[in-house]
Amino acid sequence: MSQNFEEYNMVLQELRKRISDIIQDNVQFEDCFYIYFWLNARRFDIDATEALIRETARWPRWRKSKDAIGATKADYHPGIQKCFPIRLDGKSKTGFAVFTGPAGKFRFGETIKKFGREAIEYYWLQLLCKAEKLLIEYNREVRKQNGSFVSTWPPIQKSWLILDITNLSVTDLLSRDVLGVVLTLIKMAVTHFPVLEGNLVFINAGTFTELFFKIIRPMLTDTKIDMLVFGTNKNKWKPFILQHIDPRQIETLYGGTLDELMDSY
């Protein structure tokens, strides 16, 4: 961020005036710290930030204040949660959140057919809303300990989502219907949740998953998310993960010593 504090504060207050109608419907935007992530996502361009916030207010429809709050508070659909478990393990060595998931066991086609696309998208929205709330809390804690310069830290020092893709069904994932849903979910995350800063890590990737990564990597270009892909050699990905996360803060499946968690966050 090139602006000094006074310049930043002027930009922030001007943006708050412009989105006063949005603030009336979504109290989160009253919070200067929350608005910071939106400004940061658009390099503190006030016009671009306002446009992004207004786009988000319109899409998806669940993001409107009362529904987003409801999504955050509501319990997950137990059937979908069982099919797509994402868990909050512990914290990284820098104090940011560590999420994990056995993505190789996800069967998108079967789950979409059983529960419907809209239910899957709503479950994903819930995951994102709950993660957003946690990440803001963790960001506040880290900033209190380290100062505002935390915002300039590279993604490697921030949050983690580690997905084990052992036995991932590439045929299922790359079918037209499934791919359409997956791309919608990724777009929802990277466009409308700028608080998501950090690392998206895939472990135990097979040869045939490369096409999938080629599809999603460009979607992360203008984000503060780094995607890292590791093959099946545990001697390569485990030391890397434990360099940044204490083994007591992450499950055994992902290289740590934490007992398997039964519930999602």
C-alpha atoms as a PDB file:
ATOM      1  CA  MET A   1       0.000   0.000   0.000  1.00  0.00           C
ATOM      2  CA  SER A   2       1.647   3.211  -1.178  1.00  0.00           C
ATOM      3  CA  GLN A   3      -0.618   5.697   0.626  1.00  0.00           C
ATOM      4  CA  ASN A   4       0.222   7.085   4.026  1.00  0.00           C
ATOM      5  CA  PHE A   5      -2.311   6.786   6.828  1.00  0.00           C
ATOM      6  CA  GLU A   6      -4.083  10.085   6.070  1.00  0.00           C
ATOM      7  CA  GLU A   7      -4.450   9.234   2.377  1.00  0.00           C
ATOM      8  CA  TYR A   8      -5.693   5.751   3.224  1.00  0.00           C
ATOM      9  CA  ASN A   9      -8.211   7.158   5.694  1.00  0.00           C
ATOM     10  CA  MET A  10      -9.503   9.614   3.068  1.00  0.00           C
ATOM     11  CA  VAL A  11      -9.969   6.784   0.566  1.00  0.00           C
ATOM     12  CA  LEU A  12     -11.690   4.660   3.186  1.00  0.00           C
ATOM     13  CA  GLN A  13     -14.116   7.397   4.251  1.00  0.00           C
ATOM     14  CA  GLU A  14     -14.917   8.281   0.653  1.00  0.00           C
ATOM     15  CA  LEU A  15     -15.668   4.635  -0.115  1.00  0.00           C
ATOM     16  CA  ARG A  16     -17.921   4.378   2.933  1.00  0.00           C
ATOM     17  CA  LYS A  17     -19.918   7.374   1.675  1.00  0.00           C
ATOM     18  CA  ARG A  18     -20.271   5.834  -1.764  1.00  0.00           C
ATOM     19  CA  ILE A  19     -21.538   2.513  -0.420  1.00  0.00           C
ATOM     20  CA  SER A  20     -23.775   3.934   2.332  1.00  0.00           C
ATOM     21  CA  ASP A  21     -26.733   2.111   0.784  1.00  0.00           C
ATOM     22  CA  ILE A  22     -24.798  -1.178   0.900  1.00  0.00           C
ATOM     23  CA  ILE A  23     -23.867  -0.561   4.549  1.00  0.00           C
ATOM     24  CA  GLN A  24     -27.551  -0.212   5.432  1.00  0.00           C
ATOM     25  CA  ASP A  25     -28.138  -3.765   4.196  1.00  0.00           C
ATOM     26  CA  ASN A  26     -24.819  -5.303   5.270  1.00  0.00           C
ATOM     27  CA  VAL A  27     -23.423  -4.113   8.594  1.00  0.00           C
ATOM     28  CA  GLN A  28     -20.085  -5.831   7.896  1.00  0.00           C
ATOM     29  CA  PHE A  29     -19.176  -2.870   5.712  1.00  0.00           C
ATOM     30  CA  GLU A  30     -19.374  -0.601   8.761  1.00  0.00           C
ATOM     31  CA  ASP A  31     -16.099  -2.200   9.800  1.00  0.00           C
ATOM     32  CA  CYS A  32     -13.057  -0.342   8.413  1.00  0.00           C
ATOM     33  CA  PHE A  33     -10.923  -3.446   8.817  1.00  0.00           C
ATOM     34  CA  TYR A  34     -13.350  -5.422   6.645  1.00  0.00           C
ATOM     35  CA  ILE A  35     -13.407  -2.727   3.952  1.00  0.00           C
ATOM     36  CA  TYR A  36      -9.605  -2.817   3.898  1.00  0.00           C
ATOM     37  CA  PHE A  37      -9.638  -6.285   2.289  1.00  0.00           C
ATOM     38  CA  TRP A  38     -11.868  -5.034  -0.522  1.00  0.00           C
ATOM     39  CA  LEU A  39      -9.641  -2.039  -1.168  1.00  0.00           C
ATOM     40  CA  ASN A  40      -6.590  -4.266  -1.071  1.00  0.00           C
ATOM     41  CA  ALA A  41      -8.159  -6.636  -3.600  1.00  0.00           C
ATOM     42  CA  ARG A  42      -8.426  -3.754  -6.085  1.00  0.00           C
ATOM     43  CA  ARG A  43      -5.079  -2.128  -5.206  1.00  0.00           C
ATOM     44  CA  PHE A  44      -6.834   0.742  -3.411  1.00  0.00           C
ATOM     45  CA  ASP A  45      -8.569   1.919  -6.577  1.00  0.00           C
ATOM     46  CA  ILE A  46     -11.733   3.385  -5.086  1.00  0.00           C
ATOM     47  CA  ASP A  47     -13.811   3.133  -8.282  1.00  0.00           C
ATOM     48  CA  ALA A  48     -12.851  -0.500  -8.888  1.00  0.00           C
ATOM     49  CA  THR A  49     -13.470  -1.366  -5.236  1.00  0.00           C
ATOM     50  CA  GLU A  50     -16.929   0.171  -5.255  1.00  0.00           C
ATOM     51  CA  ALA A  51     -17.762  -1.737  -8.443  1.00  0.00           C
ATOM     52  CA  LEU A  52     -16.609  -5.018  -6.874  1.00  0.00           C
ATOM     53  CA  ILE A  53     -18.637  -4.446  -3.706  1.00  0.00           C
ATOM     54  CA  ARG A  54     -21.761  -3.604  -5.696  1.00  0.00           C
ATOM     55  CA  GLU A  55     -21.309  -6.655  -7.905  1.00  0.00           C
ATOM     56  CA  THR A  56     -20.985  -8.804  -4.784  1.00  0.00           C
ATOM     57  CA  ALA A  57     -24.133  -7.283  -3.288  1.00  0.00           C
ATOM     58  CA  ARG A  58     -26.012  -8.508  -6.356  1.00  0.00           C
ATOM     59  CA  TRP A  59     -24.352 -11.915  -6.780  1.00  0.00           C
ATOM     60  CA  PRO A  60     -24.893 -14.447  -5.427  1.00  0.00           C
ATOM     61  CA  ARG A  61     -28.351 -13.565  -4.139  1.00  0.00           C
ATOM     62  CA  TRP A  62     -27.596 -15.277  -0.807  1.00  0.00           C
ATOM     63  CA  ARG A  63     -24.848 -12.765  -0.115  1.00  0.00           C
ATOM     64  CA  LYS A  64     -27.393 -10.068   0.827  1.00  0.00           C
ATOM     65  CA  SER A  65     -27.028  -9.191   4.476  1.00  0.00           C
ATOM     66  CA  LYS A  66     -29.794 -11.177   6.130  1.00  0.00           C
ATOM     67  CA  ASP A  67     -29.093 -14.269   4.018  1.00  0.00           C
ATOM     68  CA  ALA A  68     -25.306 -14.125   4.394  1.00  0.00           C
ATOM     69  CA  ILE A  69     -25.703 -13.801   8.145  1.00  0.00           C
ATOM     70  CA  GLY A  70     -28.140 -16.690   8.073  1.00  0.00           C
ATOM     71  CA  ALA A  71     -25.705 -18.775   6.028  1.00  0.00           C
ATOM     72  CA  THR A  72     -22.977 -18.052   8.548  1.00  0.00           C
ATOM     73  CA  LYS A  73     -25.089 -19.083  11.525  1.00  0.00           C
ATOM     74  CA  ALA A  74     -27.015 -21.981  10.002  1.00  0.00           C
ATOM     75  CA  ASP A  75     -25.950 -25.601  10.383  1.00  0.00           C
ATOM     76  CA  TYR A  76     -24.603 -27.341   7.311  1.00  0.00           C
ATOM     77  CA  HIS A  77     -26.740 -29.813   5.437  1.00  0.00           C
ATOM     78  CA  PRO A  78     -25.541 -33.056   7.092  1.00  0.00           C
ATOM     79  CA  GLY A  79     -25.617 -35.059   3.872  1.00  0.00           C
ATOM     80  CA  ILE A  80     -23.593 -32.537   1.884  1.00  0.00           C
ATOM     81  CA  GLN A  81     -21.213 -31.941   4.775  1.00  0.00           C
ATOM     82  CA  LYS A  82     -20.470 -35.665   4.886  1.00  0.00           C
ATOM     83  CA  CYS A  83     -19.706 -35.669   1.153  1.00  0.00           C
ATOM     84  CA  PHE A  84     -17.579 -32.489   1.187  1.00  0.00           C
ATOM     85  CA  PRO A  85     -15.939 -32.147   4.635  1.00  0.00           C
ATOM     86  CA  ILE A  86     -13.635 -29.152   5.065  1.00  0.00           C
ATOM     87  CA  ARG A  87     -12.132 -28.859   8.543  1.00  0.00           C
ATOM     88  CA  LEU A  88     -10.427 -26.185  10.587  1.00  0.00           C
ATOM     89  CA  ASP A  89      -7.330 -27.782  12.110  1.00  0.00           C
ATOM     90  CA  GLY A  90      -5.187 -25.309  14.041  1.00  0.00           C
ATOM     91  CA  LYS A  91      -3.080 -22.278  13.216  1.00  0.00           C
ATOM     92  CA  SER A  92       0.065 -21.749  11.188  1.00  0.00           C
ATOM     93  CA  LYS A  93       3.293 -20.664  12.868  1.00  0.00           C
ATOM     94  CA  THR A  94       2.367 -17.063  12.037  1.00  0.00           C
ATOM     95  CA  GLY A  95      -1.079 -17.385  13.632  1.00  0.00           C
ATOM     96  CA  PHE A  96      -3.269 -17.812  10.562  1.00  0.00           C
ATOM     97  CA  ALA A  97      -5.944 -20.463  10.012  1.00  0.00           C
ATOM     98  CA  VAL A  98      -5.215 -23.940   8.637  1.00  0.00           C
ATOM     99  CA  PHE A  99      -8.080 -25.676   6.797  1.00  0.00           C
ATOM    100  CA  THR A 100      -7.885 -29.211   5.389  1.00  0.00           C
ATOM    101  CA  GLY A 101     -10.015 -31.520   3.290  1.00  0.00           C
ATOM    102  CA  PRO A 102      -9.843 -35.036   1.788  1.00  0.00           C
ATOM    103  CA  ALA A 103     -10.770 -33.772  -1.684  1.00  0.00           C
ATOM    104  CA  GLY A 104      -9.815 -37.060  -3.344  1.00  0.00           C
ATOM    105  CA  LYS A 105     -12.917 -38.565  -1.740  1.00  0.00           C
ATOM    106  CA  PHE A 106     -15.240 -35.884  -3.101  1.00  0.00           C
ATOM    107  CA  ARG A 107     -17.651 -37.199  -5.712  1.00  0.00           C
ATOM    108  CA  PHE A 108     -19.095 -34.081  -7.255  1.00  0.00           C
ATOM    109  CA  GLY A 109     -21.272 -35.732  -9.871  1.00  0.00           C
ATOM    110  CA  GLU A 110     -23.027 -38.049  -7.408  1.00  0.00           C
ATOM    111  CA  THR A 111     -23.475 -35.303  -4.815  1.00  0.00           C
ATOM    112  CA  ILE A 112     -24.840 -32.757  -7.282  1.00  0.00           C
ATOM    113  CA  LYS A 113     -27.252 -35.332  -8.660  1.00  0.00           C
ATOM    114  CA  LYS A 114     -28.428 -36.292  -5.165  1.00  0.00           C
ATOM    115  CA  PHE A 115     -28.801 -32.836  -3.572  1.00  0.00           C
ATOM    116  CA  GLY A 116     -28.988 -30.425  -6.508  1.00  0.00           C
ATOM    117  CA  ARG A 117     -26.698 -27.669  -7.727  1.00  0.00           C
ATOM    118  CA  GLU A 118     -28.325 -24.924  -5.669  1.00  0.00           C
ATOM    119  CA  ALA A 119     -27.849 -26.847  -2.421  1.00  0.00           C
ATOM    120  CA  ILE A 120     -24.169 -27.428  -3.242  1.00  0.00           C
ATOM    121  CA  GLU A 121     -23.641 -23.735  -3.995  1.00  0.00           C
ATOM    122  CA  TYR A 122     -25.353 -22.752  -0.748  1.00  0.00           C
ATOM    123  CA  TYR A 123     -23.172 -25.158   1.235  1.00  0.00           C
ATOM    124  CA  TRP A 124     -20.098 -23.623  -0.405  1.00  0.00           C
ATOM    125  CA  LEU A 125     -21.391 -20.149   0.460  1.00  0.00           C
ATOM    126  CA  GLN A 126     -21.741 -21.260   4.080  1.00  0.00           C
ATOM    127  CA  LEU A 127     -18.147 -22.524   4.112  1.00  0.00           C
ATOM    128  CA  LEU A 128     -16.921 -19.223   2.697  1.00  0.00           C
ATOM    129  CA  CYS A 129     -18.986 -17.055   5.049  1.00  0.00           C
ATOM    130  CA  LYS A 130     -17.869 -19.008   8.115  1.00  0.00           C
ATOM    131  CA  ALA A 131     -14.251 -18.976   6.920  1.00  0.00           C
ATOM    132  CA  GLU A 132     -14.439 -15.237   6.273  1.00  0.00           C
ATOM    133  CA  LYS A 133     -15.610 -14.612   9.841  1.00  0.00           C
ATOM    134  CA  LEU A 134     -12.793 -16.754  11.281  1.00  0.00           C
ATOM    135  CA  LEU A 135     -10.123 -15.243   9.059  1.00  0.00           C
ATOM    136  CA  ILE A 136     -11.066 -11.700  10.024  1.00  0.00           C
ATOM    137  CA  GLU A 137     -10.780 -12.660  13.701  1.00  0.00           C
ATOM    138  CA  TYR A 138      -7.385 -14.310  13.137  1.00  0.00           C
ATOM    139  CA  ASN A 139      -6.174 -11.342  11.079  1.00  0.00           C
ATOM    140  CA  ARG A 140      -7.065  -9.006  13.924  1.00  0.00           C
ATOM    141  CA  GLU A 141      -5.120 -11.137  16.409  1.00  0.00           C
ATOM    142  CA  VAL A 142      -2.043 -11.310  14.184  1.00  0.00           C
ATOM    143  CA  ARG A 143      -2.132  -7.569  13.508  1.00  0.00           C
ATOM    144  CA  LYS A 144      -2.313  -6.822  17.239  1.00  0.00           C
ATOM    145  CA  GLN A 145       0.868  -8.837  17.754  1.00  0.00           C
ATOM    146  CA  ASN A 146       2.785  -7.783  14.645  1.00  0.00           C
ATOM    147  CA  GLY A 147       1.383  -4.422  13.545  1.00  0.00           C
ATOM    148  CA  SER A 148      -0.346  -3.249  10.404  1.00  0.00           C
ATOM    149  CA  PHE A 149       2.547  -4.329   8.164  1.00  0.00           C
ATOM    150  CA  VAL A 150       1.051  -7.848   8.311  1.00  0.00           C
ATOM    151  CA  SER A 151      -0.947  -6.739   5.271  1.00  0.00           C
ATOM    152  CA  THR A 152       2.258  -6.756   3.217  1.00  0.00           C
ATOM    153  CA  TRP A 153       3.166 -10.331   4.147  1.00  0.00           C
ATOM    154  CA  PRO A 154       3.290 -12.773   1.208  1.00  0.00           C
ATOM    155  CA  PRO A 155       0.595 -15.481   0.981  1.00  0.00           C
ATOM    156  CA  ILE A 156       3.013 -18.128   2.320  1.00  0.00           C
ATOM    157  CA  GLN A 157       2.764 -16.439   5.724  1.00  0.00           C
ATOM    158  CA  LYS A 158      -1.023 -16.332   5.772  1.00  0.00           C
ATOM    159  CA  SER A 159      -3.894 -18.855   5.757  1.00  0.00           C
ATOM    160  CA  TRP A 160      -3.810 -22.403   4.415  1.00  0.00           C
ATOM    161  CA  LEU A 161      -6.254 -24.718   2.678  1.00  0.00           C
ATOM    162  CA  ILE A 162      -4.615 -28.111   2.146  1.00  0.00           C
ATOM    163  CA  LEU A 163      -6.459 -30.649   0.013  1.00  0.00           C
ATOM    164  CA  ASP A 164      -5.421 -34.300  -0.239  1.00  0.00           C
ATOM    165  CA  ILE A 165      -6.447 -35.431  -3.707  1.00  0.00           C
ATOM    166  CA  THR A 166      -5.503 -39.101  -3.414  1.00  0.00           C
ATOM    167  CA  ASN A 167      -7.847 -41.125  -5.670  1.00  0.00           C
ATOM    168  CA  LEU A 168      -9.430 -37.996  -7.133  1.00  0.00           C
ATOM    169  CA  SER A 169     -11.764 -38.946  -9.980  1.00  0.00           C
ATOM    170  CA  VAL A 170     -10.575 -36.727 -12.820  1.00  0.00           C
ATOM    171  CA  THR A 171     -13.277 -38.090 -15.126  1.00  0.00           C
ATOM    172  CA  ASP A 172     -15.923 -36.974 -12.640  1.00  0.00           C
ATOM    173  CA  LEU A 173     -14.287 -33.603 -12.049  1.00  0.00           C
ATOM    174  CA  LEU A 174     -13.880 -32.726 -15.725  1.00  0.00           C
ATOM    175  CA  SER A 175     -17.362 -33.670 -16.866  1.00  0.00           C
ATOM    176  CA  ARG A 176     -19.154 -30.623 -18.291  1.00  0.00           C
ATOM    177  CA  ASP A 177     -21.838 -30.373 -15.610  1.00  0.00           C
ATOM    178  CA  VAL A 178     -19.440 -30.877 -12.715  1.00  0.00           C
ATOM    179  CA  LEU A 179     -16.800 -28.523 -14.105  1.00  0.00           C
ATOM    180  CA  GLY A 180     -19.451 -25.825 -14.487  1.00  0.00           C
ATOM    181  CA  VAL A 181     -20.330 -26.093 -10.799  1.00  0.00           C
ATOM    182  CA  VAL A 182     -16.689 -26.232  -9.675  1.00  0.00           C
ATOM    183  CA  LEU A 183     -15.792 -23.120 -11.683  1.00  0.00           C
ATOM    184  CA  THR A 184     -18.804 -21.297 -10.224  1.00  0.00           C
ATOM    185  CA  LEU A 185     -17.652 -22.175  -6.707  1.00  0.00           C
ATOM    186  CA  ILE A 186     -14.096 -21.007  -7.389  1.00  0.00           C
ATOM    187  CA  LYS A 187     -15.341 -17.761  -8.943  1.00  0.00           C
ATOM    188  CA  MET A 188     -17.552 -17.154  -5.915  1.00  0.00           C
ATOM    189  CA  ALA A 189     -14.570 -17.533  -3.592  1.00  0.00           C
ATOM    190  CA  VAL A 190     -11.957 -15.487  -5.458  1.00  0.00           C
ATOM    191  CA  THR A 191     -14.276 -12.682  -6.576  1.00  0.00           C
ATOM    192  CA  HIS A 192     -16.507 -12.092  -3.590  1.00  0.00           C
ATOM    193  CA  PHE A 193     -14.361 -13.046  -0.589  1.00  0.00           C
ATOM    194  CA  PRO A 194     -11.194 -10.909  -0.742  1.00  0.00           C
ATOM    195  CA  VAL A 195     -10.400 -11.783   2.874  1.00  0.00           C
ATOM    196  CA  LEU A 196      -9.222 -15.154   1.551  1.00  0.00           C
ATOM    197  CA  GLU A 197      -5.471 -14.572   1.436  1.00  0.00           C
ATOM    198  CA  GLY A 198      -2.945 -17.371   1.601  1.00  0.00           C
ATOM    199  CA  ASN A 199      -2.202 -20.777   0.159  1.00  0.00           C
ATOM    200  CA  LEU A 200      -4.224 -23.360  -1.732  1.00  0.00           C
ATOM    201  CA  VAL A 201      -2.161 -26.547  -1.484  1.00  0.00           C
ATOM    202  CA  PHE A 202      -2.852 -29.831  -3.266  1.00  0.00           C
ATOM    203  CA  ILE A 203      -0.992 -32.939  -2.127  1.00  0.00           C
ATOM    204  CA  ASN A 204      -0.802 -36.396  -3.721  1.00  0.00           C
ATOM    205  CA  ALA A 205      -1.653 -35.082  -7.168  1.00  0.00           C
ATOM    206  CA  GLY A 206      -1.615 -37.616  -9.979  1.00  0.00           C
ATOM    207  CA  THR A 207      -0.517 -37.142 -13.576  1.00  0.00           C
ATOM    208  CA  PHE A 208      -4.031 -36.730 -14.942  1.00  0.00           C
ATOM    209  CA  THR A 209      -4.947 -33.842 -12.635  1.00  0.00           C
ATOM    210  CA  GLU A 210      -2.723 -31.399 -14.531  1.00  0.00           C
ATOM    211  CA  LEU A 211      -5.524 -30.399 -16.919  1.00  0.00           C
ATOM    212  CA  PHE A 212      -7.718 -29.399 -13.989  1.00  0.00           C
ATOM    213  CA  PHE A 213      -4.947 -27.242 -12.526  1.00  0.00           C
ATOM    214  CA  LYS A 214      -4.426 -25.547 -15.896  1.00  0.00           C
ATOM    215  CA  ILE A 215      -8.092 -24.586 -15.848  1.00  0.00           C
ATOM    216  CA  ILE A 216      -8.228 -23.122 -12.346  1.00  0.00           C
ATOM    217  CA  ARG A 217      -4.772 -21.526 -12.080  1.00  0.00           C
ATOM    218  CA  PRO A 218      -5.653 -18.491 -14.284  1.00  0.00           C
ATOM    219  CA  MET A 219      -8.627 -17.762 -11.999  1.00  0.00           C
ATOM    220  CA  LEU A 220      -6.191 -17.062  -9.154  1.00  0.00           C
ATOM    221  CA  THR A 221      -3.978 -14.650 -11.116  1.00  0.00           C
ATOM    222  CA  ASP A 222      -5.308 -11.399  -9.656  1.00  0.00           C
ATOM    223  CA  THR A 223      -5.865 -12.762  -6.155  1.00  0.00           C
ATOM    224  CA  LYS A 224      -3.683 -13.004  -3.071  1.00  0.00           C
ATOM    225  CA  ILE A 225      -3.910 -16.797  -3.179  1.00  0.00           C
ATOM    226  CA  ASP A 226      -0.939 -18.929  -4.200  1.00  0.00           C
ATOM    227  CA  MET A 227      -1.660 -22.404  -5.565  1.00  0.00           C
ATOM    228  CA  LEU A 228       0.935 -25.083  -4.834  1.00  0.00           C
ATOM    229  CA  VAL A 229       0.731 -28.611  -6.209  1.00  0.00           C
ATOM    230  CA  PHE A 230       2.679 -31.599  -4.869  1.00  0.00           C
ATOM    231  CA  GLY A 231       2.800 -35.149  -6.173  1.00  0.00           C
ATOM    232  CA  THR A 232       2.625 -38.315  -4.137  1.00  0.00           C
ATOM    233  CA  ASN A 233       6.122 -38.066  -2.648  1.00  0.00           C
ATOM    234  CA  LYS A 234       5.413 -37.360   1.030  1.00  0.00           C
ATOM    235  CA  ASN A 235       9.094 -36.567   1.587  1.00  0.00           C
ATOM    236  CA  LYS A 236       8.588 -33.442  -0.513  1.00  0.00           C
ATOM    237  CA  TRP A 237       5.260 -32.033   0.631  1.00  0.00           C
ATOM    238  CA  LYS A 238       5.433 -32.952   4.335  1.00  0.00           C
ATOM    239  CA  PRO A 239       8.637 -30.963   5.140  1.00  0.00           C
ATOM    240  CA  PHE A 240       7.236 -27.996   3.223  1.00  0.00           C
ATOM    241  CA  ILE A 241       3.986 -28.009   5.201  1.00  0.00           C
ATOM    242  CA  LEU A 242       5.724 -28.502   8.555  1.00  0.00           C
ATOM    243  CA  GLN A 243       8.085 -25.641   7.767  1.00  0.00           C
ATOM    244  CA  HIS A 244       5.076 -23.352   8.155  1.00  0.00           C
ATOM    245  CA  ILE A 245       2.695 -25.337  10.402  1.00  0.00           C
ATOM    246  CA  ASP A 246       3.520 -27.012  13.705  1.00  0.00           C
ATOM    247  CA  PRO A 247       2.719 -30.782  13.443  1.00  0.00           C
ATOM    248  CA  ARG A 248       0.476 -30.467  16.507  1.00  0.00           C
ATOM    249  CA  GLN A 249      -1.706 -28.018  14.568  1.00  0.00           C
ATOM    250  CA  ILE A 250      -2.541 -30.263  11.608  1.00  0.00           C
ATOM    251  CA  GLU A 251      -3.987 -33.733  11.089  1.00  0.00           C
ATOM    252  CA  THR A 252      -1.860 -36.802  10.409  1.00  0.00           C
ATOM    253  CA  LEU A 253      -3.216 -37.130   6.857  1.00  0.00           C
ATOM    254  CA  TYR A 254      -1.504 -33.835   6.017  1.00  0.00           C
ATOM    255  CA  GLY A 255       1.802 -34.537   7.757  1.00  0.00           C
ATOM    256  CA  GLY A 256       0.989 -33.555  11.339  1.00  0.00           C
ATOM    257  CA  THR A 257       0.219 -35.351  14.580  1.00  0.00           C
ATOM    258  CA  LEU A 258      -3.246 -33.951  15.336  1.00  0.00           C
ATOM    259  CA  ASP A 259      -5.928 -36.597  15.728  1.00  0.00           C
ATOM    260  CA  GLU A 260      -8.480 -36.705  12.921  1.00  0.00           C
ATOM    261  CA  LEU A 261     -11.254 -34.169  13.446  1.00  0.00           C
ATOM    262  CA  MET A 262     -14.816 -35.386  13.040  1.00  0.00           C
ATOM    263  CA  ASP A 263     -16.584 -32.084  12.424  1.00  0.00           C
ATOM    264  CA  SER A 264     -16.222 -29.267   9.952  1.00  0.00           C
ATOM    265  CA  TYR A 265     -15.608 -25.758  11.247  1.00  0.00           C
END
